[in-house]
């Protein structure tokens, strides 16, 4: 079987995606690290392209994908930089939203774990997958709209196995789709979005936390474009800032071969 290629955050940048996929073997399985949409110029077209690939695609949910669900439900106002209008106005909007909300938050295969943002140091691979499945079950179920208002907030920021209900699901979502920095106890910090040089005092990138239980399993993630490409034995960071005019990257799991294309005209503004 062909080894999967993992592609970093798309964020509505369809042309670079088509260009990059054209450089890969035909029909090779594709894993996507989430944030399929938003900030780039062609969110709807990108989402349709991904869905049209059928079983070829495996994707996890990113924070921008989840944000769309709340905007569509009227629970959150769009940000100035959001580019969801084409999806919200689509005649099959309901079907598109249903497809998004039924995606997983973590995926494990070929010995690799894929998430959008990160994994708390207290979690094993098995626990990460189990907790991600709890969130997926709620978002895929009949009461997903009632749950959306409960998933917002930065607390609890520290994992406890005794957490239940909305607090339990909220910390799982925050870790898997928003996390960048943690302290030595695994407490998350959400204010800092810059790279490692801006690490706040007392904190570290989540993947450098001591005694991280997933340290023996390679993890691939996106979300953190300020990191750039990182390829080390225990992880690959693959959000290389396509939406900011930098690169869209793909890595082949079998041998970590990396292919990149430039994204000069994606269209996002700011940092």
Protein backbone atom coordinates (compact mmCIF):
# COMPACT_ATOMS: atom_id res chain seq x y z
CA UNK A 1 0.00 0.00 0.00
CA UNK A 2 1.21 3.51 -0.78
CA UNK A 3 2.47 5.38 2.24
CA UNK A 4 0.24 8.33 3.16
CA UNK A 5 1.40 11.88 2.62
CA UNK A 6 0.42 14.42 5.25
CA UNK A 7 -0.33 17.99 4.15
CA UNK A 8 -0.33 20.98 6.51
CA UNK A 9 -3.03 23.58 7.13
CA UNK A 10 -4.86 24.54 3.92
CA UNK A 11 -6.99 27.45 5.19
CA UNK A 12 -8.82 27.91 1.91
CA UNK A 13 -5.70 27.99 -0.28
CA UNK A 14 -6.88 25.79 -3.14
CA UNK A 15 -4.36 26.61 -5.88
CA UNK A 16 -1.30 25.67 -3.79
CA UNK A 17 -3.10 22.49 -2.72
CA UNK A 18 -3.76 21.45 -6.33
CA UNK A 19 -0.17 22.30 -7.23
CA UNK A 20 1.22 20.27 -4.32
CA UNK A 21 -0.99 17.24 -4.89
CA UNK A 22 0.08 17.26 -8.53
CA UNK A 23 3.63 16.57 -7.37
CA UNK A 24 2.60 13.48 -5.38
CA UNK A 25 2.01 9.94 -6.68
CA UNK A 26 -1.48 9.52 -8.19
CA UNK A 27 -4.20 8.46 -5.77
CA UNK A 28 -1.79 8.31 -2.84
CA UNK A 29 -3.64 8.49 0.53
CA UNK A 30 -3.67 12.03 1.94
CA UNK A 31 -3.82 13.04 5.59
CA UNK A 32 -4.71 16.65 6.41
CA UNK A 33 -3.86 18.32 9.73
CA UNK A 34 -7.06 20.39 9.95
CA UNK A 35 -7.88 24.06 9.39
CA UNK A 36 -9.06 23.21 5.91
CA UNK A 37 -10.77 26.58 5.65
CA UNK A 38 -10.73 30.25 6.65
CA UNK A 39 -8.50 33.28 6.03
CA UNK A 40 -7.58 32.09 2.54
CA UNK A 41 -9.59 33.13 -0.53
CA UNK A 42 -11.36 29.87 -1.50
CA UNK A 43 -12.75 28.18 1.58
CA UNK A 44 -15.79 26.66 -0.15
CA UNK A 45 -13.85 25.38 -3.16
CA UNK A 46 -11.16 23.90 -0.90
CA UNK A 47 -13.74 22.17 1.27
CA UNK A 48 -15.52 20.76 -1.79
CA UNK A 49 -12.23 19.49 -3.23
CA UNK A 50 -11.41 17.68 0.01
CA UNK A 51 -14.86 16.11 0.27
CA UNK A 52 -14.79 15.05 -3.39
CA UNK A 53 -11.65 12.98 -2.72
CA UNK A 54 -13.74 10.57 -0.68
CA UNK A 55 -11.87 7.87 1.21
CA UNK A 56 -8.54 9.07 -0.14
CA UNK A 57 -8.64 11.83 2.49
CA UNK A 58 -8.22 11.53 6.24
CA UNK A 59 -8.50 14.80 8.13
CA UNK A 60 -8.71 15.96 11.72
CA UNK A 61 -10.58 19.01 12.95
CA UNK A 62 -8.75 22.30 13.47
CA UNK A 63 -9.81 25.33 15.45
CA UNK A 64 -10.92 27.20 12.32
CA UNK A 65 -13.11 24.29 11.25
CA UNK A 66 -14.78 24.20 14.67
CA UNK A 67 -15.16 28.00 14.66
CA UNK A 68 -17.19 27.74 11.46
CA UNK A 69 -19.71 25.51 13.20
CA UNK A 70 -20.31 28.19 15.85
CA UNK A 71 -20.52 31.01 13.31
CA UNK A 72 -23.01 29.02 11.24
CA UNK A 73 -25.09 28.35 14.35
CA UNK A 74 -25.17 32.07 15.21
CA UNK A 75 -23.25 31.54 18.44
CA UNK A 76 -20.16 33.50 17.36
CA UNK A 77 -19.79 36.56 15.18
CA UNK A 78 -17.36 36.21 12.28
CA UNK A 79 -13.94 37.75 12.80
CA UNK A 80 -12.79 40.46 10.42
CA UNK A 81 -10.33 38.01 8.86
CA UNK A 82 -12.85 35.17 8.43
CA UNK A 83 -13.54 33.99 4.88
CA UNK A 84 -16.50 31.70 5.53
CA UNK A 85 -19.13 33.63 3.56
CA UNK A 86 -19.04 31.31 0.54
CA UNK A 87 -19.68 28.27 2.74
CA UNK A 88 -22.43 29.97 4.73
CA UNK A 89 -24.19 30.97 1.49
CA UNK A 90 -23.82 27.58 -0.22
CA UNK A 91 -27.08 25.80 -1.12
CA UNK A 92 -25.74 22.60 0.48
CA UNK A 93 -24.44 24.40 3.55
CA UNK A 94 -26.12 21.93 5.93
CA UNK A 95 -24.45 18.94 4.30
CA UNK A 96 -21.06 20.68 4.34
CA UNK A 97 -21.38 21.49 8.03
CA UNK A 98 -22.45 17.92 8.78
CA UNK A 99 -19.36 16.61 7.02
CA UNK A 100 -17.10 18.92 9.05
CA UNK A 101 -18.64 18.15 12.43
CA UNK A 102 -18.30 14.39 11.95
CA UNK A 103 -14.52 14.50 11.41
CA UNK A 104 -12.23 13.13 14.17
CA UNK A 105 -9.90 15.20 16.34
CA UNK A 106 -7.10 12.63 16.28
CA UNK A 107 -6.01 9.86 13.94
CA UNK A 108 -3.55 7.00 14.43
CA UNK A 109 -2.22 4.68 11.73
CA UNK A 110 1.11 3.49 10.30
CA UNK A 111 2.59 4.09 13.76
CA UNK A 112 1.91 7.85 13.56
CA UNK A 113 -0.47 10.04 15.54
CA UNK A 114 -1.97 13.07 13.77
CA UNK A 115 -3.64 15.97 15.58
CA UNK A 116 -4.18 19.59 14.68
CA UNK A 117 -2.37 21.36 17.53
CA UNK A 118 -0.89 19.08 20.16
CA UNK A 119 -1.22 16.40 22.81
CA UNK A 120 -1.12 17.02 26.56
CA UNK A 121 1.94 15.42 28.18
CA UNK A 122 -0.25 13.42 30.57
CA UNK A 123 -1.98 11.55 27.73
CA UNK A 124 -0.90 8.32 26.09
CA UNK A 125 -1.74 7.65 22.46
CA UNK A 126 -4.61 5.40 23.50
CA UNK A 127 -6.03 8.03 25.86
CA UNK A 128 -5.67 10.75 23.24
CA UNK A 129 -7.68 8.70 20.75
CA UNK A 130 -10.30 7.82 23.36
CA UNK A 131 -10.78 11.43 24.44
CA UNK A 132 -10.89 12.64 20.84
CA UNK A 133 -13.61 10.04 20.18
CA UNK A 134 -15.66 11.43 23.08
CA UNK A 135 -15.70 14.86 21.45
CA UNK A 136 -16.40 13.41 18.01
CA UNK A 137 -19.36 11.49 19.39
CA UNK A 138 -20.92 14.69 20.78
CA UNK A 139 -20.26 16.80 17.67
CA UNK A 140 -21.62 14.03 15.45
CA UNK A 141 -24.70 13.50 17.57
CA UNK A 142 -28.15 15.08 17.69
CA UNK A 143 -27.29 17.49 20.53
CA UNK A 144 -24.23 19.07 18.90
CA UNK A 145 -25.80 22.53 18.69
CA UNK A 146 -26.49 22.53 22.43
CA UNK A 147 -22.88 21.61 23.11
CA UNK A 148 -21.24 24.37 21.04
CA UNK A 149 -21.71 27.21 23.60
CA UNK A 150 -20.17 24.99 26.29
CA UNK A 151 -16.89 24.37 24.48
CA UNK A 152 -15.57 27.95 24.78
CA UNK A 153 -13.19 29.13 27.48
CA UNK A 154 -9.58 28.55 28.58
CA UNK A 155 -10.40 26.66 31.76
CA UNK A 156 -9.72 24.08 32.88
CA UNK A 157 -6.18 24.45 31.57
CA UNK A 158 -4.78 21.41 33.40
CA UNK A 159 -5.88 17.84 32.82
CA UNK A 160 -7.46 15.77 35.56
CA UNK A 161 -8.82 12.28 34.97
CA UNK A 162 -11.80 13.13 37.15
CA UNK A 163 -13.06 15.84 34.78
CA UNK A 164 -16.54 15.18 33.44
CA UNK A 165 -19.14 16.86 31.25
CA UNK A 166 -18.46 20.09 29.34
CA UNK A 167 -15.22 20.82 31.22
CA UNK A 168 -13.77 17.48 30.16
CA UNK A 169 -14.72 17.96 26.52
CA UNK A 170 -13.56 21.60 26.52
CA UNK A 171 -10.03 20.80 27.66
CA UNK A 172 -9.79 18.03 25.08
CA UNK A 173 -10.81 20.40 22.29
CA UNK A 174 -8.45 23.11 23.53
CA UNK A 175 -5.50 20.73 23.71
CA UNK A 176 -6.05 19.06 20.36
CA UNK A 177 -6.95 22.19 18.38
CA UNK A 178 -5.46 25.25 20.18
CA UNK A 179 -2.51 24.34 22.38
CA UNK A 180 1.03 25.65 21.89
CA UNK A 181 2.72 26.06 25.28
CA UNK A 182 2.50 24.16 28.58
CA UNK A 183 4.30 24.39 31.90
CA UNK A 184 6.11 21.53 33.63
CA UNK A 185 2.79 20.30 35.06
CA UNK A 186 1.13 20.30 31.64
CA UNK A 187 -0.96 23.42 32.23
CA UNK A 188 -1.77 25.16 28.95
CA UNK A 189 -1.08 28.81 28.09
CA UNK A 190 -3.19 30.32 25.28
CA UNK A 191 -2.12 33.97 25.05
CA UNK A 192 1.14 33.44 23.15
CA UNK A 193 0.90 32.65 19.43
CA UNK A 194 4.42 33.44 18.30
CA UNK A 195 7.26 30.97 17.86
CA UNK A 196 9.64 29.34 20.31
CA UNK A 197 11.65 32.54 20.76
CA UNK A 198 8.57 34.06 22.43
CA UNK A 199 8.08 31.21 24.91
CA UNK A 200 6.54 32.72 28.06
CA UNK A 201 8.43 32.36 31.34
CA UNK A 202 7.76 29.05 33.03
CA UNK A 203 6.40 27.43 29.87
CA UNK A 204 7.71 25.38 26.95
CA UNK A 205 6.36 24.05 23.65
CA UNK A 206 3.99 21.18 24.43
CA UNK A 207 6.21 18.70 22.61
CA UNK A 208 9.18 19.48 24.87
CA UNK A 209 7.31 18.82 28.10
CA UNK A 210 9.19 16.45 30.41
CA UNK A 211 7.85 12.89 30.68
CA UNK A 212 5.48 13.38 27.74
CA UNK A 213 3.74 10.00 27.44
CA UNK A 214 3.61 10.13 23.63
CA UNK A 215 7.35 10.73 23.27
CA UNK A 216 7.89 7.28 21.76
CA UNK A 217 5.26 7.76 19.05
CA UNK A 218 5.89 10.15 16.15
CA UNK A 219 3.28 12.92 16.03
CA UNK A 220 2.46 15.14 13.09
CA UNK A 221 0.60 18.39 13.68
CA UNK A 222 -0.18 21.77 12.12
CA UNK A 223 -1.71 24.89 13.70
CA UNK A 224 1.52 26.63 14.70
CA UNK A 225 2.77 28.38 11.57
CA UNK A 226 5.29 30.45 13.53
CA UNK A 227 7.30 27.27 14.13
CA UNK A 228 7.92 26.63 10.46
CA UNK A 229 8.83 23.12 9.40
CA UNK A 230 10.20 20.89 12.16
CA UNK A 231 11.25 17.34 11.33
CA UNK A 232 12.72 15.47 14.27
CA UNK A 233 12.47 11.81 15.34
CA UNK A 234 9.46 12.25 17.61
CA UNK A 235 7.43 14.77 15.61
CA UNK A 236 6.82 16.72 12.44
CA UNK A 237 5.39 20.25 12.58
CA UNK A 238 3.97 20.92 9.14
CA UNK A 239 2.03 24.21 9.16
CA UNK A 240 4.47 26.24 7.07
CA UNK A 241 2.29 29.33 6.69
CA UNK A 242 0.71 28.90 3.26
CA UNK A 243 -2.06 31.31 4.17
CA UNK A 244 0.58 33.92 5.04
CA UNK A 245 2.25 33.61 1.65
CA UNK A 246 4.95 31.13 2.65
CA UNK A 247 4.72 27.41 1.79
CA UNK A 248 2.34 24.47 1.76
CA UNK A 249 4.16 21.30 2.80
CA UNK A 250 3.64 17.55 2.52
CA UNK A 251 5.59 14.79 4.24
CA UNK A 252 5.56 11.08 3.35
CA UNK A 253 5.27 8.98 6.47
CA UNK A 254 7.35 6.07 5.19
CA UNK A 255 10.59 8.02 4.83
CA UNK A 256 9.79 11.64 5.81
CA UNK A 257 10.40 12.87 2.30
CA UNK A 258 9.15 16.47 2.17
CA UNK A 259 7.72 18.38 -0.79
CA UNK A 260 6.78 22.06 -0.65
CA UNK A 261 5.16 24.60 -2.95
CA UNK A 262 5.12 28.36 -2.56
CA UNK A 263 1.93 30.23 -1.69
CA UNK A 264 2.54 33.82 -2.84
CA UNK A 265 -1.06 34.73 -3.59
CA UNK A 266 -3.17 33.04 -0.93
CA UNK A 267 -4.53 36.37 0.26
CA UNK A 268 -4.54 36.46 4.06
CA UNK A 269 -3.47 39.66 5.79
CA UNK A 270 -1.83 40.13 9.17
CA UNK A 271 -0.03 37.67 11.40
